[in-house]
N, C-alpha and C. Protein backbone atom coordinates (compact mmCIF):
# COMPACT_ATOMS: atom_id res chain seq x y z
N MET A 1 1.18 7.31 -10.71
CA MET A 1 0.42 6.84 -9.62
C MET A 1 0.51 5.39 -9.88
N LYS A 2 0.89 4.19 -10.33
CA LYS A 2 1.08 2.80 -10.75
C LYS A 2 2.48 2.76 -10.63
N ARG A 3 3.38 3.33 -10.98
CA ARG A 3 4.97 3.24 -10.77
C ARG A 3 4.63 3.53 -9.21
N ASN A 4 4.25 4.29 -8.64
CA ASN A 4 4.83 4.88 -7.56
C ASN A 4 4.18 3.10 -6.14
N LEU A 5 3.25 3.26 -6.93
CA LEU A 5 2.64 1.68 -5.85
C LEU A 5 3.32 0.56 -6.25
N HIS A 6 3.98 0.28 -7.39
CA HIS A 6 5.53 -0.89 -7.49
C HIS A 6 6.37 -0.67 -6.97
N LEU A 7 6.97 0.90 -6.41
CA LEU A 7 8.43 1.14 -5.71
C LEU A 7 8.38 0.10 -4.38
N THR A 8 7.30 -0.27 -3.80
CA THR A 8 7.50 -1.01 -2.44
C THR A 8 7.98 -2.66 -2.68
N ASN A 9 8.29 -3.06 -4.09
CA ASN A 9 8.01 -4.22 -4.39
C ASN A 9 7.29 -5.14 -3.83
N GLY A 10 5.72 -4.73 -3.68
CA GLY A 10 4.67 -5.80 -3.22
C GLY A 10 4.69 -5.50 -1.79
N LEU A 11 5.28 -5.08 -1.08
CA LEU A 11 5.18 -5.12 -0.03
C LEU A 11 3.90 -3.79 0.82
N LEU A 12 3.27 -3.11 -0.05
CA LEU A 12 1.92 -2.67 0.13
C LEU A 12 1.02 -3.06 0.24
N LEU A 13 0.33 -4.37 -0.28
CA LEU A 13 -0.51 -5.15 -0.50
C LEU A 13 -0.23 -6.65 0.66
N SER A 14 0.97 -6.85 1.62
CA SER A 14 1.47 -7.78 2.05
C SER A 14 0.22 -8.31 3.26
N GLU A 15 -0.46 -6.78 3.76
CA GLU A 15 -2.18 -7.22 4.62
C GLU A 15 -2.56 -8.51 4.13
N ARG A 16 -2.57 -8.21 2.73
CA ARG A 16 -3.63 -8.62 2.01
C ARG A 16 -3.50 -10.59 1.76
N VAL A 17 -1.91 -10.46 1.84
CA VAL A 17 -1.83 -12.14 1.83
C VAL A 17 -1.59 -12.71 3.29
N MET A 18 -1.50 -12.14 4.29
CA MET A 18 -1.88 -11.99 5.46
C MET A 18 -3.20 -12.37 5.83
N PHE A 19 -4.11 -11.65 5.53
CA PHE A 19 -5.29 -12.13 5.46
C PHE A 19 -6.15 -13.28 5.03
N ALA A 20 -5.28 -13.49 3.55
CA ALA A 20 -5.66 -14.78 3.10
C ALA A 20 -4.89 -15.83 3.20
N LEU A 21 -3.56 -15.82 3.80
CA LEU A 21 -3.48 -16.89 5.12
C LEU A 21 -3.93 -16.88 6.44
N ALA A 22 -4.69 -16.29 6.95
CA ALA A 22 -5.13 -15.91 8.46
C ALA A 22 -6.02 -17.12 8.22
N ASP A 23 -6.89 -17.27 7.20
CA ASP A 23 -7.97 -18.19 7.33
C ASP A 23 -7.59 -19.87 6.98
N LYS A 24 -6.22 -19.49 6.91
CA LYS A 24 -5.71 -21.13 6.65
C LYS A 24 -5.13 -21.80 7.73
N ILE A 25 -4.19 -20.54 8.58
CA ILE A 25 -3.32 -20.96 9.63
C ILE A 25 -3.11 -20.37 11.03
N GLY A 26 -4.73 -19.11 10.66
CA GLY A 26 -4.64 -18.75 12.11
C GLY A 26 -3.91 -16.83 11.65
N LYS A 27 -4.26 -16.13 12.97
CA LYS A 27 -4.00 -14.61 12.27
C LYS A 27 -2.53 -14.50 12.91
N GLN A 28 -2.19 -14.78 14.04
CA GLN A 28 -1.08 -15.02 14.84
C GLN A 28 0.25 -15.22 13.71
N THR A 29 -0.13 -16.67 13.27
CA THR A 29 1.04 -17.38 12.65
C THR A 29 1.14 -16.35 11.08
N ALA A 30 0.02 -16.47 10.49
CA ALA A 30 -0.20 -15.33 9.61
C ALA A 30 1.00 -14.19 9.51
N HIS A 31 0.67 -13.91 10.27
CA HIS A 31 1.21 -12.27 10.94
C HIS A 31 2.70 -12.80 10.74
N HIS A 32 2.79 -13.24 11.55
CA HIS A 32 4.66 -13.78 11.87
C HIS A 32 5.21 -14.16 10.43
N VAL A 33 4.45 -15.17 10.13
CA VAL A 33 4.90 -15.79 8.38
C VAL A 33 5.46 -14.39 7.45
N VAL A 34 4.08 -13.86 7.46
CA VAL A 34 4.33 -12.28 6.32
C VAL A 34 5.63 -11.55 6.98
N TYR A 35 5.42 -11.31 7.98
CA TYR A 35 5.91 -10.01 8.30
C TYR A 35 7.79 -10.75 8.19
N GLU A 36 7.65 -12.07 8.37
CA GLU A 36 9.12 -12.63 8.15
C GLU A 36 9.86 -12.58 6.74
N ASN A 37 8.81 -12.53 5.79
CA ASN A 37 9.51 -12.78 4.30
C ASN A 37 9.37 -11.32 3.80
N CYS A 38 8.35 -10.14 4.66
CA CYS A 38 8.72 -9.03 4.01
C CYS A 38 9.72 -8.56 4.53
N MET A 39 10.21 -8.61 5.64
CA MET A 39 11.84 -8.64 6.25
C MET A 39 12.75 -9.01 5.70
N LYS A 40 12.43 -9.84 4.70
CA LYS A 40 13.78 -10.82 4.00
C LYS A 40 13.73 -9.92 2.82
N ALA A 41 12.18 -9.92 2.37
CA ALA A 41 12.45 -9.12 0.82
C ALA A 41 13.00 -7.59 0.79
N VAL A 42 12.63 -6.91 1.91
CA VAL A 42 13.32 -5.34 2.05
C VAL A 42 15.34 -5.48 2.20
N HIS A 43 15.42 -6.38 2.90
CA HIS A 43 16.88 -6.49 3.15
C HIS A 43 17.97 -7.03 2.28
N GLU A 44 16.65 -8.39 1.45
CA GLU A 44 17.72 -8.77 -0.01
C GLU A 44 17.47 -7.54 -1.22
N GLY A 45 16.02 -6.92 -1.14
CA GLY A 45 16.10 -5.87 -2.16
C GLY A 45 15.34 -6.45 -3.07
N ARG A 46 14.45 -7.55 -3.33
CA ARG A 46 13.93 -8.49 -4.04
C ARG A 46 12.12 -7.95 -3.93
N LEU A 47 11.54 -8.63 -5.06
CA LEU A 47 10.22 -8.63 -4.95
C LEU A 47 9.54 -9.50 -4.13
N LEU A 48 8.70 -9.15 -3.23
CA LEU A 48 7.92 -9.54 -2.31
C LEU A 48 7.33 -10.94 -2.87
N ILE A 49 6.60 -11.13 -3.71
CA ILE A 49 6.42 -12.26 -4.23
C ILE A 49 7.26 -13.67 -4.78
N ASP A 50 8.78 -12.86 -5.03
CA ASP A 50 9.47 -14.26 -5.22
C ASP A 50 10.14 -14.66 -3.90
N VAL A 51 10.03 -13.68 -2.99
CA VAL A 51 10.29 -14.21 -1.73
C VAL A 51 9.20 -14.99 -0.80
N LEU A 52 7.90 -14.71 -0.89
CA LEU A 52 7.32 -15.43 -0.47
C LEU A 52 6.78 -16.80 -1.43
N MET A 53 6.97 -16.93 -2.37
CA MET A 53 6.92 -18.24 -3.20
C MET A 53 7.97 -19.45 -3.07
N GLU A 54 9.37 -18.78 -2.45
CA GLU A 54 10.27 -19.64 -1.66
C GLU A 54 9.47 -19.98 -0.48
N ASP A 55 8.55 -20.01 0.45
CA ASP A 55 8.63 -19.90 1.79
C ASP A 55 7.50 -21.25 1.26
N GLU A 56 8.10 -22.73 1.75
CA GLU A 56 7.20 -23.47 1.82
C GLU A 56 5.58 -23.17 2.97
N ARG A 57 5.74 -22.88 3.82
CA ARG A 57 4.42 -22.63 4.18
C ARG A 57 3.50 -21.88 3.63
N ILE A 58 3.94 -20.80 2.70
CA ILE A 58 3.12 -20.16 1.91
C ILE A 58 2.26 -20.95 0.39
N CYS A 59 3.90 -21.61 -0.14
CA CYS A 59 3.40 -21.86 -1.53
C CYS A 59 2.88 -23.33 -1.57
N ARG A 60 2.41 -23.85 -0.28
CA ARG A 60 1.76 -25.17 0.14
C ARG A 60 -0.08 -24.89 0.12
N LEU A 61 -0.41 -23.37 0.30
CA LEU A 61 -1.61 -22.96 0.73
C LEU A 61 -2.25 -21.71 -0.16
N ILE A 62 -1.48 -21.11 -0.58
CA ILE A 62 -1.61 -19.99 -2.12
C ILE A 62 -0.71 -20.07 -2.98
N ASN A 63 -0.73 -20.43 -4.29
CA ASN A 63 -0.28 -20.84 -5.77
C ASN A 63 0.25 -19.42 -6.00
N LYS A 64 0.61 -19.26 -6.96
CA LYS A 64 1.84 -18.03 -7.87
C LYS A 64 0.52 -17.15 -7.98
N GLU A 65 -0.18 -18.04 -9.09
CA GLU A 65 -1.53 -16.67 -9.57
C GLU A 65 -2.22 -16.12 -8.61
N GLU A 66 -2.54 -17.18 -7.06
CA GLU A 66 -3.51 -16.23 -6.35
C GLU A 66 -2.42 -15.31 -5.53
N LEU A 67 -1.24 -15.56 -5.63
CA LEU A 67 -0.64 -14.26 -4.97
C LEU A 67 -0.56 -13.15 -5.68
N LYS A 68 -0.05 -13.53 -7.17
CA LYS A 68 -0.12 -12.36 -8.03
C LYS A 68 -0.83 -11.39 -7.81
N GLU A 69 -2.44 -11.92 -7.86
CA GLU A 69 -3.77 -11.24 -7.77
C GLU A 69 -3.85 -10.46 -6.46
N LEU A 70 -3.53 -11.17 -5.11
CA LEU A 70 -3.54 -10.52 -4.38
C LEU A 70 -2.58 -9.17 -3.76
N LEU A 71 -1.41 -9.60 -4.59
CA LEU A 71 -0.31 -8.14 -4.62
C LEU A 71 -0.69 -7.38 -5.79
N ASP A 72 -1.54 -7.31 -6.68
CA ASP A 72 -1.85 -6.71 -7.69
C ASP A 72 -2.73 -5.15 -6.90
N PRO A 73 -2.47 -4.39 -7.03
CA PRO A 73 -3.26 -3.18 -6.48
C PRO A 73 -4.18 -2.69 -6.83
N GLU A 74 -4.43 -2.64 -8.34
CA GLU A 74 -5.56 -2.58 -8.95
C GLU A 74 -6.73 -3.53 -8.60
N THR A 75 -6.32 -4.96 -8.16
CA THR A 75 -7.69 -5.61 -7.86
C THR A 75 -7.83 -5.58 -6.49
N TYR A 76 -7.34 -4.75 -5.49
CA TYR A 76 -7.69 -4.59 -4.30
C TYR A 76 -8.49 -2.87 -4.31
N LEU A 77 -9.61 -3.36 -3.78
CA LEU A 77 -10.34 -1.71 -3.56
C LEU A 77 -10.49 -1.83 -2.23
N GLY A 78 -10.46 -2.57 -1.21
CA GLY A 78 -10.79 -2.79 0.12
C GLY A 78 -12.27 -1.89 0.15
N GLU A 79 -12.27 -1.03 1.09
CA GLU A 79 -13.67 -0.89 1.73
C GLU A 79 -14.04 0.14 0.89
N ALA A 80 -13.42 0.57 -0.41
CA ALA A 80 -13.94 1.85 -1.04
C ALA A 80 -15.17 2.04 -1.74
N PRO A 81 -15.37 0.31 -1.99
CA PRO A 81 -16.84 0.72 -2.76
C PRO A 81 -17.89 0.75 -1.77
N GLN A 82 -18.08 0.36 -0.67
CA GLN A 82 -19.06 0.51 0.43
C GLN A 82 -18.76 1.79 0.89
N VAL A 83 -18.03 2.14 0.92
CA VAL A 83 -18.18 3.60 1.52
C VAL A 83 -18.36 4.68 0.41
N VAL A 84 -18.16 4.02 -0.46
CA VAL A 84 -19.12 5.25 -1.72
C VAL A 84 -20.42 5.13 -1.61
N GLU A 85 -20.83 3.94 -1.39
CA GLU A 85 -21.92 3.67 -1.32
C GLU A 85 -22.57 4.47 -0.10
N ARG A 86 -22.16 4.33 0.98
CA ARG A 86 -22.58 5.13 1.83
C ARG A 86 -22.71 6.58 1.96
N VAL A 87 -22.16 7.31 1.33
CA VAL A 87 -21.96 8.56 1.27
C VAL A 87 -23.08 8.92 0.18
N LEU A 88 -23.03 8.09 -0.85
CA LEU A 88 -24.19 8.66 -1.91
C LEU A 88 -25.86 8.42 -1.28
N ASP A 89 -25.58 7.31 -0.20
CA ASP A 89 -27.12 6.87 0.34
C ASP A 89 -27.35 8.26 1.44
N ASP A 90 -26.07 8.67 1.94
CA ASP A 90 -26.20 10.29 2.44
C ASP A 90 -26.94 11.03 2.17
N ALA A 91 -26.24 11.28 0.81
CA ALA A 91 -26.22 12.29 -0.18
C ALA A 91 -28.11 12.32 -0.51
N ARG A 92 -28.30 10.80 -0.71
CA ARG A 92 -29.51 11.37 -1.38
C ARG A 92 -30.89 11.66 -0.16
N LYS A 93 -30.50 10.90 0.82
CA LYS A 93 -31.35 11.34 2.11
C LYS A 93 -31.70 12.59 2.43
N VAL A 94 -30.47 13.06 2.30
CA VAL A 94 -30.50 15.10 2.40
C VAL A 94 -30.88 15.77 1.46
N GLY A 95 -31.28 14.78 0.16
CA GLY A 95 -31.30 15.72 -0.89
C GLY A 95 -30.19 16.48 -1.79
N ILE A 96 -29.26 16.11 -1.73
CA ILE A 96 -28.26 16.74 -2.19
C ILE A 96 -27.94 16.23 -3.63
N LEU A 97 -28.11 14.72 -3.79
CA LEU A 97 -27.90 14.13 -4.73
C LEU A 97 -29.71 13.22 -5.10
N ASP A 98 -30.05 13.88 -6.65
CA ASP A 98 -31.32 13.07 -6.92
C ASP A 98 -30.87 11.42 -7.34
N GLU A 99 -32.03 10.95 -6.90
CA GLU A 99 -31.84 9.24 -7.11
C GLU A 99 -31.81 9.11 -8.56
C-alpha cells in the first residue's frame, strides 16, 4: 500500500499543501499555485516536493520540512479519527458496543 501511495510522486496530498498555503495567500491563489506546480511535476516526471521547493511563492512561506510532513501520507488521516469516534458513539448508543 505504501508503495502505491508514493507512485504519484506526492500529487496525492497536493490538496493538503493547498490548504496550508490557503491560510497564508488565500484559497484561490493557493489552488492556482499548487495546480501549476502539480502540472509541472507531472509533465517533467518529478517529485512534487522538488518542484514546490523551486517555486519562490511557496518556499518563502513553507519550508522543506513542513512540505515533507504535508506530503507524507503517514501523517495525514483527514477526518478518519472523528468518523471512527462517531461510529463508535452510535454503536454504544444502540447497544452494539459496550463502554
